[in-house]
Amino acid sequence: MDKETKQQFFLTGLLAAAAVILFLAVFVFVGFLQSEKIMQAAEQVQEYRRHYGLVTDSFEDVFWKSVYEEARVYGEKSGVYLEWIGKDLAVDYGKTELLQLAIDTAVDGILLEGDDSEQIRRLIEQAENQGIPVVTVFSDSYESKRSSFVGLSSYHLGREYGRQIIRVATRDMKEILILMDTRLQGSGQSIVFNGIKETLENEGNHLTLEVKTLAVSEDTAFSGEETIRQFLSRSVQGQVRPPDMIICLSEKNTMRTYQAIVDYNLVGQVGLLGYYVTDDILDGIERKVIQATIAVDTQKMGIKGIEALEEYLDTGHVNEYITIDVDVVTINNIEEYIQNGEEAEE
């Protein structure tokens, strides 16, 4: 091998060695950066002392989104992690399956949108037997072994609706229709109904009003909306007499009825008393389609739910009923309500 060939081999080897060294340097540097990121991420991970689960019928309701967020933020301050069970799953599970999942996951406590089904009562008992306290929120599971209930006084809610009916009713009005959720038949809704009737009898005896109910099913995604629209459609066609006022006990039914009244040109003929406050519901009040709505403090409801679980786990005791006060928003106080809300956010 001549001298020139040897030099070429030497240079080639030198370049190859340099490339290997450079590759190793880059590899080590990248690995160092990755380890730094992992260490930083590990430092940022918060250690939680308790893991709670929220179980609801729907992930889409504005009401429950607000309750969850308020409860989650409050819980984090004291080392509590609140998981909305099933929210990020690809499969659409029912509430009983989600409650079973929360129990199988062995969470430390459960916030539950209660109802009167026997399945839910059995699962609540199973959870409590396994040392997992269950606090029902917004709607109760009567005769169950839940540790506490955080929500509205059903009778007080009925009284508020009754007073609002009296406020806007005229002597010409004949019929009030209450939309009842079929999932909650026989629970707090009957107490709301009685509260309305007693208030009308005691404070509105100058009126002649018949109070009726309409069962609204949630068996499918659109069954509730179809029920409301079919009823109002029959009213427009003259098949049934349209009610003078409709009372909704949920945010969903408030929005469904509001939209249906507008779509069927029943504004001014059918009044509406709603539940909860959203921008659309406030818009309905300003347009005088909705005469009043019940404003629920979701911040307080979420916080009280976490506090109830904490108190029970810390002491073994908690109040059986924790009631949340409500406000009524009407055209007369809507500006004040909006202003107070904006000031609270600042």
C-alpha atoms as a PDB file:
ATOM      1  CA  MET A   1       0.000   0.000   0.000  1.00  0.00           C
ATOM      2  CA  ASP A   2       1.529   3.297  -1.062  1.00  0.00           C
ATOM      3  CA  LYS A   3       1.842   6.399   1.093  1.00  0.00           C
ATOM      4  CA  GLU A   4      -1.120   8.204  -0.488  1.00  0.00           C
ATOM      5  CA  THR A   5      -3.466   5.276   0.094  1.00  0.00           C
ATOM      6  CA  LYS A   6      -2.389   5.072   3.737  1.00  0.00           C
ATOM      7  CA  GLN A   7      -3.195   8.748   4.219  1.00  0.00           C
ATOM      8  CA  GLN A   8      -6.665   8.273   2.721  1.00  0.00           C
ATOM      9  CA  PHE A   9      -7.351   5.336   5.073  1.00  0.00           C
ATOM     10  CA  PHE A  10      -6.124   7.395   8.000  1.00  0.00           C
ATOM     11  CA  LEU A  11      -8.335  10.383   7.127  1.00  0.00           C
ATOM     12  CA  THR A  12     -11.341   8.138   6.587  1.00  0.00           C
ATOM     13  CA  GLY A  13     -10.807   6.483   9.959  1.00  0.00           C
ATOM     14  CA  LEU A  14     -10.309   9.852  11.606  1.00  0.00           C
ATOM     15  CA  LEU A  15     -13.572  11.185  10.151  1.00  0.00           C
ATOM     16  CA  ALA A  16     -15.439   8.033  11.183  1.00  0.00           C
ATOM     17  CA  ALA A  17     -14.103   8.325  14.725  1.00  0.00           C
ATOM     18  CA  ALA A  18     -15.086  11.993  14.851  1.00  0.00           C
ATOM     19  CA  ALA A  19     -18.593  11.129  13.642  1.00  0.00           C
ATOM     20  CA  VAL A  20     -18.958   8.445  16.322  1.00  0.00           C
ATOM     21  CA  ILE A  21     -17.745  10.842  19.005  1.00  0.00           C
ATOM     22  CA  LEU A  22     -20.155  13.533  17.776  1.00  0.00           C
ATOM     23  CA  PHE A  23     -23.056  11.051  17.735  1.00  0.00           C
ATOM     24  CA  LEU A  24     -22.261   9.926  21.266  1.00  0.00           C
ATOM     25  CA  ALA A  25     -22.021  13.524  22.443  1.00  0.00           C
ATOM     26  CA  VAL A  26     -25.391  14.391  20.921  1.00  0.00           C
ATOM     27  CA  PHE A  27     -26.920  11.207  22.374  1.00  0.00           C
ATOM     28  CA  VAL A  28     -25.611  12.001  25.852  1.00  0.00           C
ATOM     29  CA  PHE A  29     -26.761  15.627  25.569  1.00  0.00           C
ATOM     30  CA  VAL A  30     -30.271  14.675  24.468  1.00  0.00           C
ATOM     31  CA  GLY A  31     -30.479  12.085  27.217  1.00  0.00           C
ATOM     32  CA  PHE A  32     -29.414  14.718  29.717  1.00  0.00           C
ATOM     33  CA  LEU A  33     -32.126  17.105  28.522  1.00  0.00           C
ATOM     34  CA  GLN A  34     -34.760  14.365  28.697  1.00  0.00           C
ATOM     35  CA  SER A  35     -33.729  13.414  32.213  1.00  0.00           C
ATOM     36  CA  GLU A  36     -33.896  17.074  33.210  1.00  0.00           C
ATOM     37  CA  LYS A  37     -37.435  17.302  31.815  1.00  0.00           C
ATOM     38  CA  ILE A  38     -38.461  14.137  33.632  1.00  0.00           C
ATOM     39  CA  MET A  39     -37.020  15.453  36.879  1.00  0.00           C
ATOM     40  CA  GLN A  40     -38.785  18.797  36.422  1.00  0.00           C
ATOM     41  CA  ALA A  41     -42.059  17.046  35.628  1.00  0.00           C
ATOM     42  CA  ALA A  42     -41.664  14.834  38.672  1.00  0.00           C
ATOM     43  CA  GLU A  43     -41.121  17.915  40.812  1.00  0.00           C
ATOM     44  CA  GLN A  44     -44.300  19.464  39.394  1.00  0.00           C
ATOM     45  CA  VAL A  45     -46.457  16.382  40.052  1.00  0.00           C
ATOM     46  CA  GLN A  46     -48.589  17.027  43.091  1.00  0.00           C
ATOM     47  CA  GLU A  47     -48.971  14.279  45.601  1.00  0.00           C
ATOM     48  CA  TYR A  48     -52.604  13.846  46.629  1.00  0.00           C
ATOM     49  CA  ARG A  49     -53.587  12.461  49.990  1.00  0.00           C
ATOM     50  CA  ARG A  50     -57.094  11.472  48.849  1.00  0.00           C
ATOM     51  CA  HIS A  51     -58.761  10.490  45.579  1.00  0.00           C
ATOM     52  CA  TYR A  52     -62.478  11.189  45.143  1.00  0.00           C
ATOM     53  CA  GLY A  53     -64.770  10.352  42.241  1.00  0.00           C
ATOM     54  CA  LEU A  54     -67.661  12.365  40.798  1.00  0.00           C
ATOM     55  CA  VAL A  55     -70.398  10.254  39.174  1.00  0.00           C
ATOM     56  CA  THR A  56     -73.128  11.940  37.097  1.00  0.00           C
ATOM     57  CA  ASP A  57     -75.625  11.065  34.387  1.00  0.00           C
ATOM     58  CA  SER A  58     -74.126  13.470  31.865  1.00  0.00           C
ATOM     59  CA  PHE A  59     -70.802  15.090  31.058  1.00  0.00           C
ATOM     60  CA  GLU A  60     -72.448  17.784  28.906  1.00  0.00           C
ATOM     61  CA  ASP A  61     -74.566  19.726  31.416  1.00  0.00           C
ATOM     62  CA  VAL A  62     -73.204  23.195  32.119  1.00  0.00           C
ATOM     63  CA  PHE A  63     -74.417  22.751  35.689  1.00  0.00           C
ATOM     64  CA  TRP A  64     -72.287  19.666  36.356  1.00  0.00           C
ATOM     65  CA  LYS A  65     -69.256  21.114  34.577  1.00  0.00           C
ATOM     66  CA  SER A  66     -69.395  24.048  36.963  1.00  0.00           C
ATOM     67  CA  VAL A  67     -69.912  21.877  40.073  1.00  0.00           C
ATOM     68  CA  TYR A  68     -66.980  19.657  39.062  1.00  0.00           C
ATOM     69  CA  GLU A  69     -64.618  22.553  38.372  1.00  0.00           C
ATOM     70  CA  GLU A  70     -65.428  24.310  41.647  1.00  0.00           C
ATOM     71  CA  ALA A  71     -65.023  21.086  43.626  1.00  0.00           C
ATOM     72  CA  ARG A  72     -61.808  20.142  41.798  1.00  0.00           C
ATOM     73  CA  VAL A  73     -60.130  23.507  42.408  1.00  0.00           C
ATOM     74  CA  TYR A  74     -61.175  23.571  46.051  1.00  0.00           C
ATOM     75  CA  GLY A  75     -59.992  20.007  46.623  1.00  0.00           C
ATOM     76  CA  GLU A  76     -56.564  20.607  45.107  1.00  0.00           C
ATOM     77  CA  LYS A  77     -55.855  23.265  47.721  1.00  0.00           C
ATOM     78  CA  SER A  78     -55.962  20.613  50.436  1.00  0.00           C
ATOM     79  CA  GLY A  79     -54.367  17.737  48.528  1.00  0.00           C
ATOM     80  CA  VAL A  80     -57.558  16.137  47.205  1.00  0.00           C
ATOM     81  CA  TYR A  81     -57.800  14.863  43.638  1.00  0.00           C
ATOM     82  CA  LEU A  82     -61.324  14.779  42.186  1.00  0.00           C
ATOM     83  CA  GLU A  83     -61.834  12.573  39.132  1.00  0.00           C
ATOM     84  CA  TRP A  84     -64.959  12.877  37.002  1.00  0.00           C
ATOM     85  CA  ILE A  85     -65.427   9.154  36.555  1.00  0.00           C
ATOM     86  CA  GLY A  86     -65.708   8.104  32.906  1.00  0.00           C
ATOM     87  CA  LYS A  87     -65.324  11.580  31.435  1.00  0.00           C
ATOM     88  CA  ASP A  88     -62.361  10.736  29.220  1.00  0.00           C
ATOM     89  CA  LEU A  89     -63.381   7.197  28.322  1.00  0.00           C
ATOM     90  CA  ALA A  90     -64.175   6.342  24.703  1.00  0.00           C
ATOM     91  CA  VAL A  91     -67.047   4.077  25.787  1.00  0.00           C
ATOM     92  CA  ASP A  92     -70.327   5.669  26.879  1.00  0.00           C
ATOM     93  CA  TYR A  93     -71.165   4.005  30.200  1.00  0.00           C
ATOM     94  CA  GLY A  94     -74.364   4.492  32.180  1.00  0.00           C
ATOM     95  CA  LYS A  95     -74.366   5.996  35.662  1.00  0.00           C
ATOM     96  CA  THR A  96     -74.679   2.644  37.456  1.00  0.00           C
ATOM     97  CA  GLU A  97     -71.673   1.323  35.531  1.00  0.00           C
ATOM     98  CA  LEU A  98     -69.689   4.458  36.352  1.00  0.00           C
ATOM     99  CA  LEU A  99     -70.575   4.147  40.036  1.00  0.00           C
ATOM    100  CA  GLN A 100     -69.450   0.501  39.972  1.00  0.00           C
ATOM    101  CA  LEU A 101     -66.215   1.627  38.288  1.00  0.00           C
ATOM    102  CA  ALA A 102     -65.592   4.184  41.028  1.00  0.00           C
ATOM    103  CA  ILE A 103     -66.118   1.492  43.680  1.00  0.00           C
ATOM    104  CA  ASP A 104     -63.841  -0.980  41.871  1.00  0.00           C
ATOM    105  CA  THR A 105     -61.183   1.729  41.563  1.00  0.00           C
ATOM    106  CA  ALA A 106     -61.292   2.000  45.378  1.00  0.00           C
ATOM    107  CA  VAL A 107     -61.562   5.775  45.482  1.00  0.00           C
ATOM    108  CA  ASP A 108     -61.576   7.309  48.943  1.00  0.00           C
ATOM    109  CA  GLY A 109     -65.021   8.878  48.525  1.00  0.00           C
ATOM    110  CA  ILE A 110     -67.740   9.480  45.944  1.00  0.00           C
ATOM    111  CA  LEU A 111     -69.832  12.512  44.989  1.00  0.00           C
ATOM    112  CA  LEU A 112     -72.932  11.170  43.245  1.00  0.00           C
ATOM    113  CA  GLU A 113     -75.852  12.619  41.315  1.00  0.00           C
ATOM    114  CA  GLY A 114     -78.411  10.553  43.173  1.00  0.00           C
ATOM    115  CA  ASP A 115     -81.679   9.044  42.003  1.00  0.00           C
ATOM    116  CA  ASP A 116     -84.311   6.636  43.287  1.00  0.00           C
ATOM    117  CA  SER A 117     -83.334   3.525  41.340  1.00  0.00           C
ATOM    118  CA  GLU A 118     -82.832   0.304  43.266  1.00  0.00           C
ATOM    119  CA  GLN A 119     -79.523  -0.291  41.439  1.00  0.00           C
ATOM    120  CA  ILE A 120     -78.085   2.977  42.703  1.00  0.00           C
ATOM    121  CA  ARG A 121     -79.237   2.238  46.253  1.00  0.00           C
ATOM    122  CA  ARG A 122     -77.538  -1.178  46.149  1.00  0.00           C
ATOM    123  CA  LEU A 123     -74.298   0.282  44.823  1.00  0.00           C
ATOM    124  CA  ILE A 124     -74.307   2.992  47.475  1.00  0.00           C
ATOM    125  CA  GLU A 125     -74.651   0.273  50.107  1.00  0.00           C
ATOM    126  CA  GLN A 126     -71.803  -1.671  48.477  1.00  0.00           C
ATOM    127  CA  ALA A 127     -69.569   1.411  48.548  1.00  0.00           C
ATOM    128  CA  GLU A 128     -70.366   2.197  52.175  1.00  0.00           C
ATOM    129  CA  ASN A 129     -69.743  -1.445  53.158  1.00  0.00           C
ATOM    130  CA  GLN A 130     -66.300  -1.162  51.549  1.00  0.00           C
ATOM    131  CA  GLY A 131     -65.520   1.971  53.547  1.00  0.00           C
ATOM    132  CA  ILE A 132     -66.166   4.402  50.677  1.00  0.00           C
ATOM    133  CA  PRO A 133     -68.503   7.201  51.811  1.00  0.00           C
ATOM    134  CA  VAL A 134     -71.024   8.440  49.250  1.00  0.00           C
ATOM    135  CA  VAL A 135     -72.353  12.004  49.269  1.00  0.00           C
ATOM    136  CA  THR A 136     -75.285  12.638  46.965  1.00  0.00           C
ATOM    137  CA  VAL A 137     -75.274  16.049  45.273  1.00  0.00           C
ATOM    138  CA  PHE A 138     -78.171  18.031  43.781  1.00  0.00           C
ATOM    139  CA  SER A 139     -80.562  15.035  43.768  1.00  0.00           C
ATOM    140  CA  ASP A 140     -80.793  12.551  46.613  1.00  0.00           C
ATOM    141  CA  SER A 141     -81.145   8.772  46.735  1.00  0.00           C
ATOM    142  CA  TYR A 142     -83.893   8.382  49.285  1.00  0.00           C
ATOM    143  CA  GLU A 143     -83.749   5.468  51.719  1.00  0.00           C
ATOM    144  CA  SER A 144     -80.179   4.711  50.687  1.00  0.00           C
ATOM    145  CA  LYS A 145     -77.141   4.423  52.963  1.00  0.00           C
ATOM    146  CA  ARG A 146     -75.410   7.512  51.604  1.00  0.00           C
ATOM    147  CA  SER A 147     -73.440   9.498  54.190  1.00  0.00           C
ATOM    148  CA  SER A 148     -74.849  12.924  53.348  1.00  0.00           C
ATOM    149  CA  PHE A 149     -76.860  14.920  50.827  1.00  0.00           C
ATOM    150  CA  VAL A 150     -75.735  18.305  49.511  1.00  0.00           C
ATOM    151  CA  GLY A 151     -78.402  20.171  47.585  1.00  0.00           C
ATOM    152  CA  LEU A 152     -81.501  22.285  47.660  1.00  0.00           C
ATOM    153  CA  SER A 153     -84.408  21.925  50.002  1.00  0.00           C
ATOM    154  CA  SER A 154     -87.040  20.498  47.670  1.00  0.00           C
ATOM    155  CA  TYR A 155     -89.867  22.048  49.654  1.00  0.00           C
ATOM    156  CA  HIS A 156     -88.163  25.448  49.697  1.00  0.00           C
ATOM    157  CA  LEU A 157     -87.616  25.159  45.939  1.00  0.00           C
ATOM    158  CA  GLY A 158     -91.319  24.417  45.446  1.00  0.00           C
ATOM    159  CA  ARG A 159     -92.196  27.432  47.578  1.00  0.00           C
ATOM    160  CA  GLU A 160     -89.982  29.672  45.426  1.00  0.00           C
ATOM    161  CA  TYR A 161     -91.590  28.412  42.231  1.00  0.00           C
ATOM    162  CA  GLY A 162     -95.024  28.925  43.786  1.00  0.00           C
ATOM    163  CA  ARG A 163     -94.217  32.519  44.716  1.00  0.00           C
ATOM    164  CA  GLN A 164     -92.967  33.246  41.198  1.00  0.00           C
ATOM    165  CA  ILE A 165     -96.174  31.798  39.726  1.00  0.00           C
ATOM    166  CA  ILE A 166     -98.214  34.092  41.957  1.00  0.00           C
ATOM    167  CA  ARG A 167     -96.014  37.059  40.990  1.00  0.00           C
ATOM    168  CA  VAL A 168     -96.686  36.749  37.254  1.00  0.00           C
ATOM    169  CA  ALA A 169    -100.059  34.962  37.121  1.00  0.00           C
ATOM    170  CA  THR A 170    -103.296  36.644  36.143  1.00  0.00           C
ATOM    171  CA  ARG A 171    -106.871  35.609  36.870  1.00  0.00           C
ATOM    172  CA  ASP A 172    -107.171  34.405  33.268  1.00  0.00           C
ATOM    173  CA  MET A 173    -104.504  31.726  33.730  1.00  0.00           C
ATOM    174  CA  LYS A 174    -105.870  28.227  34.190  1.00  0.00           C
ATOM    175  CA  GLU A 175    -103.074  25.656  33.966  1.00  0.00           C
ATOM    176  CA  ILE A 176     -99.503  25.198  35.187  1.00  0.00           C
ATOM    177  CA  LEU A 177     -97.403  22.327  33.792  1.00  0.00           C
ATOM    178  CA  ILE A 178     -94.404  20.901  35.674  1.00  0.00           C
ATOM    179  CA  LEU A 179     -91.874  18.885  33.663  1.00  0.00           C
ATOM    180  CA  MET A 180     -90.846  15.850  35.734  1.00  0.00           C
ATOM    181  CA  ASP A 181     -87.693  13.826  35.086  1.00  0.00           C
ATOM    182  CA  THR A 182     -88.669  10.144  34.878  1.00  0.00           C
ATOM    183  CA  ARG A 183     -85.334   9.147  36.447  1.00  0.00           C
ATOM    184  CA  LEU A 184     -86.254  10.953  39.649  1.00  0.00           C
ATOM    185  CA  GLN A 185     -89.901  10.006  40.034  1.00  0.00           C
ATOM    186  CA  GLY A 186     -90.952   9.611  43.651  1.00  0.00           C
ATOM    187  CA  SER A 187     -88.027  11.587  45.069  1.00  0.00           C
ATOM    188  CA  GLY A 188     -87.556  15.298  45.686  1.00  0.00           C
ATOM    189  CA  GLN A 189     -89.705  16.185  42.690  1.00  0.00           C
ATOM    190  CA  SER A 190     -92.875  15.173  44.537  1.00  0.00           C
ATOM    191  CA  ILE A 191     -91.819  17.443  47.409  1.00  0.00           C
ATOM    192  CA  VAL A 192     -91.282  20.308  44.935  1.00  0.00           C
ATOM    193  CA  PHE A 193     -94.746  19.616  43.530  1.00  0.00           C
ATOM    194  CA  ASN A 194     -96.297  19.721  47.004  1.00  0.00           C
ATOM    195  CA  GLY A 195     -94.432  22.934  47.815  1.00  0.00           C
ATOM    196  CA  ILE A 196     -95.854  24.595  44.713  1.00  0.00           C
ATOM    197  CA  LYS A 197     -99.412  23.426  45.410  1.00  0.00           C
ATOM    198  CA  GLU A 198     -99.350  24.459  49.072  1.00  0.00           C
ATOM    199  CA  THR A 199     -97.950  27.891  48.225  1.00  0.00           C
ATOM    200  CA  LEU A 200    -100.642  28.443  45.611  1.00  0.00           C
ATOM    201  CA  GLU A 201    -103.335  27.325  48.059  1.00  0.00           C
ATOM    202  CA  ASN A 202    -102.048  29.480  50.928  1.00  0.00           C
ATOM    203  CA  GLU A 203    -100.792  32.575  49.141  1.00  0.00           C
ATOM    204  CA  GLY A 204    -102.464  32.438  45.739  1.00  0.00           C
ATOM    205  CA  ASN A 205    -106.049  31.585  46.645  1.00  0.00           C
ATOM    206  CA  HIS A 206    -107.215  34.484  44.473  1.00  0.00           C
ATOM    207  CA  LEU A 207    -106.100  32.416  41.462  1.00  0.00           C
ATOM    208  CA  THR A 208    -107.781  29.413  39.885  1.00  0.00           C
ATOM    209  CA  LEU A 209    -104.886  27.287  38.674  1.00  0.00           C
ATOM    210  CA  GLU A 210    -104.697  23.593  37.944  1.00  0.00           C
ATOM    211  CA  VAL A 211    -101.229  22.105  38.397  1.00  0.00           C
ATOM    212  CA  LYS A 212    -100.370  19.224  36.049  1.00  0.00           C
ATOM    213  CA  THR A 213     -97.225  17.243  35.336  1.00  0.00           C
ATOM    214  CA  LEU A 214     -95.553  15.880  32.199  1.00  0.00           C
ATOM    215  CA  ALA A 215     -93.040  13.015  32.425  1.00  0.00           C
ATOM    216  CA  VAL A 216     -89.891  13.773  30.434  1.00  0.00           C
ATOM    217  CA  SER A 217     -87.797  10.700  29.691  1.00  0.00           C
ATOM    218  CA  GLU A 218     -84.021  10.703  29.294  1.00  0.00           C
ATOM    219  CA  ASP A 219     -83.838   7.192  27.841  1.00  0.00           C
ATOM    220  CA  THR A 220     -82.080   8.449  24.689  1.00  0.00           C
ATOM    221  CA  ALA A 221     -80.071  11.532  23.806  1.00  0.00           C
ATOM    222  CA  PHE A 222     -83.070  13.309  22.258  1.00  0.00           C
ATOM    223  CA  SER A 223     -86.073  11.726  24.000  1.00  0.00           C
ATOM    224  CA  GLY A 224     -86.471  14.617  26.434  1.00  0.00           C
ATOM    225  CA  GLU A 225     -86.433  17.225  23.703  1.00  0.00           C
ATOM    226  CA  GLU A 226     -88.865  15.183  21.586  1.00  0.00           C
ATOM    227  CA  THR A 227     -91.334  14.895  24.478  1.00  0.00           C
ATOM    228  CA  ILE A 228     -91.396  18.655  25.034  1.00  0.00           C
ATOM    229  CA  ARG A 229     -91.626  19.494  21.339  1.00  0.00           C
ATOM    230  CA  GLN A 230     -94.354  16.957  20.649  1.00  0.00           C
ATOM    231  CA  PHE A 231     -96.452  18.342  23.491  1.00  0.00           C
ATOM    232  CA  LEU A 232     -96.081  21.965  22.361  1.00  0.00           C
ATOM    233  CA  SER A 233     -96.657  20.944  18.740  1.00  0.00           C
ATOM    234  CA  ARG A 234     -99.986  19.388  19.749  1.00  0.00           C
ATOM    235  CA  SER A 235    -100.808  22.623  21.563  1.00  0.00           C
ATOM    236  CA  VAL A 236    -100.118  24.674  18.425  1.00  0.00           C
ATOM    237  CA  GLN A 237    -102.293  22.306  16.372  1.00  0.00           C
ATOM    238  CA  GLY A 238    -105.133  22.694  18.847  1.00  0.00           C
ATOM    239  CA  GLN A 239    -105.086  19.072  19.994  1.00  0.00           C
ATOM    240  CA  VAL A 240    -104.470  20.087  23.614  1.00  0.00           C
ATOM    241  CA  ARG A 241    -104.789  23.362  25.445  1.00  0.00           C
ATOM    242  CA  PRO A 242    -101.365  24.989  25.852  1.00  0.00           C
ATOM    243  CA  PRO A 243    -100.423  25.504  29.511  1.00  0.00           C
ATOM    244  CA  ASP A 244    -100.251  29.089  30.704  1.00  0.00           C
ATOM    245  CA  MET A 245     -96.891  28.387  32.297  1.00  0.00           C
ATOM    246  CA  ILE A 246     -94.296  25.609  32.259  1.00  0.00           C
ATOM    247  CA  ILE A 247     -91.985  24.915  35.204  1.00  0.00           C
ATOM    248  CA  CYS A 248     -88.646  23.207  34.541  1.00  0.00           C
ATOM    249  CA  LEU A 249     -86.649  21.526  37.302  1.00  0.00           C
ATOM    250  CA  SER A 250     -83.401  21.156  35.323  1.00  0.00           C
ATOM    251  CA  GLU A 251     -81.113  23.220  33.141  1.00  0.00           C
ATOM    252  CA  LYS A 252     -81.618  20.852  30.189  1.00  0.00           C
ATOM    253  CA  ASN A 253     -85.401  21.102  30.212  1.00  0.00           C
ATOM    254  CA  THR A 254     -85.228  24.862  30.693  1.00  0.00           C
ATOM    255  CA  MET A 255     -83.199  25.256  27.503  1.00  0.00           C
ATOM    256  CA  ARG A 256     -85.309  22.736  25.565  1.00  0.00           C
ATOM    257  CA  THR A 257     -88.552  24.453  26.528  1.00  0.00           C
ATOM    258  CA  TYR A 258     -87.177  27.948  25.928  1.00  0.00           C
ATOM    259  CA  GLN A 259     -86.129  27.009  22.396  1.00  0.00           C
ATOM    260  CA  ALA A 260     -89.408  25.201  21.669  1.00  0.00           C
ATOM    261  CA  ILE A 261     -91.518  28.173  22.823  1.00  0.00           C
ATOM    262  CA  VAL A 262     -89.560  30.424  20.454  1.00  0.00           C
ATOM    263  CA  ASP A 263     -89.685  27.939  17.559  1.00  0.00           C
ATOM    264  CA  TYR A 264     -93.457  27.410  17.859  1.00  0.00           C
ATOM    265  CA  ASN A 265     -94.194  31.138  18.208  1.00  0.00           C
ATOM    266  CA  LEU A 266     -95.664  30.684  21.684  1.00  0.00           C
ATOM    267  CA  VAL A 267     -93.863  33.678  23.217  1.00  0.00           C
ATOM    268  CA  GLY A 268     -96.423  35.624  25.216  1.00  0.00           C
ATOM    269  CA  GLN A 269     -98.798  32.664  25.335  1.00  0.00           C
ATOM    270  CA  VAL A 270     -96.770  30.206  27.392  1.00  0.00           C
ATOM    271  CA  GLY A 271     -94.691  31.449  30.297  1.00  0.00           C
ATOM    272  CA  LEU A 272     -91.603  29.671  31.592  1.00  0.00           C
ATOM    273  CA  LEU A 273     -89.993  29.315  35.004  1.00  0.00           C
ATOM    274  CA  GLY A 274     -86.531  27.815  34.648  1.00  0.00           C
ATOM    275  CA  TYR A 275     -83.731  26.261  36.630  1.00  0.00           C
ATOM    276  CA  TYR A 276     -80.082  27.348  36.825  1.00  0.00           C
ATOM    277  CA  VAL A 277     -78.345  30.273  35.112  1.00  0.00           C
ATOM    278  CA  THR A 278     -76.471  30.259  31.815  1.00  0.00           C
ATOM    279  CA  ASP A 279     -75.899  33.023  29.293  1.00  0.00           C
ATOM    280  CA  ASP A 280     -78.722  31.602  27.155  1.00  0.00           C
ATOM    281  CA  ILE A 281     -81.127  31.481  30.096  1.00  0.00           C
ATOM    282  CA  LEU A 282     -80.268  35.070  31.020  1.00  0.00           C
ATOM    283  CA  ASP A 283     -80.909  35.977  27.390  1.00  0.00           C
ATOM    284  CA  GLY A 284     -84.321  34.306  27.677  1.00  0.00           C
ATOM    285  CA  ILE A 285     -85.129  36.455  30.727  1.00  0.00           C
ATOM    286  CA  GLU A 286     -84.075  39.639  28.924  1.00  0.00           C
ATOM    287  CA  ARG A 287     -86.285  38.650  25.986  1.00  0.00           C
ATOM    288  CA  LYS A 288     -89.144  38.028  28.458  1.00  0.00           C
ATOM    289  CA  VAL A 289     -89.581  34.436  27.294  1.00  0.00           C
ATOM    290  CA  ILE A 290     -88.415  33.145  30.696  1.00  0.00           C
ATOM    291  CA  GLN A 291     -90.182  34.886  33.586  1.00  0.00           C
ATOM    292  CA  ALA A 292     -87.729  33.698  36.249  1.00  0.00           C
ATOM    293  CA  THR A 293     -85.043  31.115  36.924  1.00  0.00           C
ATOM    294  CA  ILE A 294     -83.619  29.550  40.059  1.00  0.00           C
ATOM    295  CA  ALA A 295     -79.943  30.480  40.455  1.00  0.00           C
ATOM    296  CA  VAL A 296     -77.945  27.729  42.147  1.00  0.00           C
ATOM    297  CA  ASP A 297     -74.553  28.447  43.696  1.00  0.00           C
ATOM    298  CA  THR A 298     -72.493  25.685  42.048  1.00  0.00           C
ATOM    299  CA  GLN A 299     -69.347  26.898  43.783  1.00  0.00           C
ATOM    300  CA  LYS A 300     -70.897  26.323  47.184  1.00  0.00           C
ATOM    301  CA  MET A 301     -72.389  22.999  46.079  1.00  0.00           C
ATOM    302  CA  GLY A 302     -69.024  21.693  44.858  1.00  0.00           C
ATOM    303  CA  ILE A 303     -67.152  22.908  47.928  1.00  0.00           C
ATOM    304  CA  LYS A 304     -69.740  21.560  50.380  1.00  0.00           C
ATOM    305  CA  GLY A 305     -69.564  18.172  48.657  1.00  0.00           C
ATOM    306  CA  ILE A 306     -65.794  17.946  49.166  1.00  0.00           C
ATOM    307  CA  GLU A 307     -66.110  19.210  52.735  1.00  0.00           C
ATOM    308  CA  ALA A 308     -68.724  16.569  53.541  1.00  0.00           C
ATOM    309  CA  LEU A 309     -66.443  13.746  52.367  1.00  0.00           C
ATOM    310  CA  GLU A 310     -63.487  15.241  54.239  1.00  0.00           C
ATOM    311  CA  GLU A 311     -65.450  15.618  57.462  1.00  0.00           C
ATOM    312  CA  TYR A 312     -66.772  12.077  57.310  1.00  0.00           C
ATOM    313  CA  LEU A 313     -63.356  10.532  56.649  1.00  0.00           C
ATOM    314  CA  ASP A 314     -61.701  12.675  59.342  1.00  0.00           C
ATOM    315  CA  THR A 315     -64.292  12.275  62.083  1.00  0.00           C
ATOM    316  CA  GLY A 316     -66.645   9.458  61.061  1.00  0.00           C
ATOM    317  CA  HIS A 317     -69.573  11.873  61.241  1.00  0.00           C
ATOM    318  CA  VAL A 318     -71.228  14.400  58.910  1.00  0.00           C
ATOM    319  CA  ASN A 319     -74.557  16.209  58.700  1.00  0.00           C
ATOM    320  CA  GLU A 320     -77.121  14.096  56.889  1.00  0.00           C
ATOM    321  CA  TYR A 321     -78.518  17.118  55.020  1.00  0.00           C
ATOM    322  CA  ILE A 322     -76.496  20.110  53.837  1.00  0.00           C
ATOM    323  CA  THR A 323     -78.742  22.618  52.099  1.00  0.00           C
ATOM    324  CA  ILE A 324     -77.682  25.232  49.561  1.00  0.00           C
ATOM    325  CA  ASP A 325     -79.552  28.534  49.368  1.00  0.00           C
ATOM    326  CA  VAL A 326     -80.923  29.725  46.034  1.00  0.00           C
ATOM    327  CA  ASP A 327     -81.597  33.072  44.389  1.00  0.00           C
ATOM    328  CA  VAL A 328     -84.321  33.906  41.903  1.00  0.00           C
ATOM    329  CA  VAL A 329     -83.378  35.893  38.802  1.00  0.00           C
ATOM    330  CA  THR A 330     -86.103  37.909  37.074  1.00  0.00           C
ATOM    331  CA  ILE A 331     -86.270  40.797  34.631  1.00  0.00           C
ATOM    332  CA  ASN A 332     -86.367  43.086  37.669  1.00  0.00           C
ATOM    333  CA  ASN A 333     -82.994  42.052  39.120  1.00  0.00           C
ATOM    334  CA  ILE A 334     -81.088  40.578  36.182  1.00  0.00           C
ATOM    335  CA  GLU A 335     -78.735  43.566  35.813  1.00  0.00           C
ATOM    336  CA  GLU A 336     -77.854  43.425  39.504  1.00  0.00           C
ATOM    337  CA  TYR A 337     -77.290  39.650  39.286  1.00  0.00           C
ATOM    338  CA  ILE A 338     -74.962  39.990  36.281  1.00  0.00           C
ATOM    339  CA  GLN A 339     -73.072  42.848  37.928  1.00  0.00           C
ATOM    340  CA  ASN A 340     -72.600  40.892  41.159  1.00  0.00           C
ATOM    341  CA  GLY A 341     -71.323  37.922  39.150  1.00  0.00           C
ATOM    342  CA  GLU A 342     -68.791  40.061  37.296  1.00  0.00           C
ATOM    343  CA  GLU A 343     -67.556  41.602  40.555  1.00  0.00           C
ATOM    344  CA  ALA A 344     -67.138  38.139  42.104  1.00  0.00           C
ATOM    345  CA  GLU A 345     -64.921  37.057  39.171  1.00  0.00           C
ATOM    346  CA  GLU A 346     -62.575  40.053  39.549  1.00  0.00           C
END
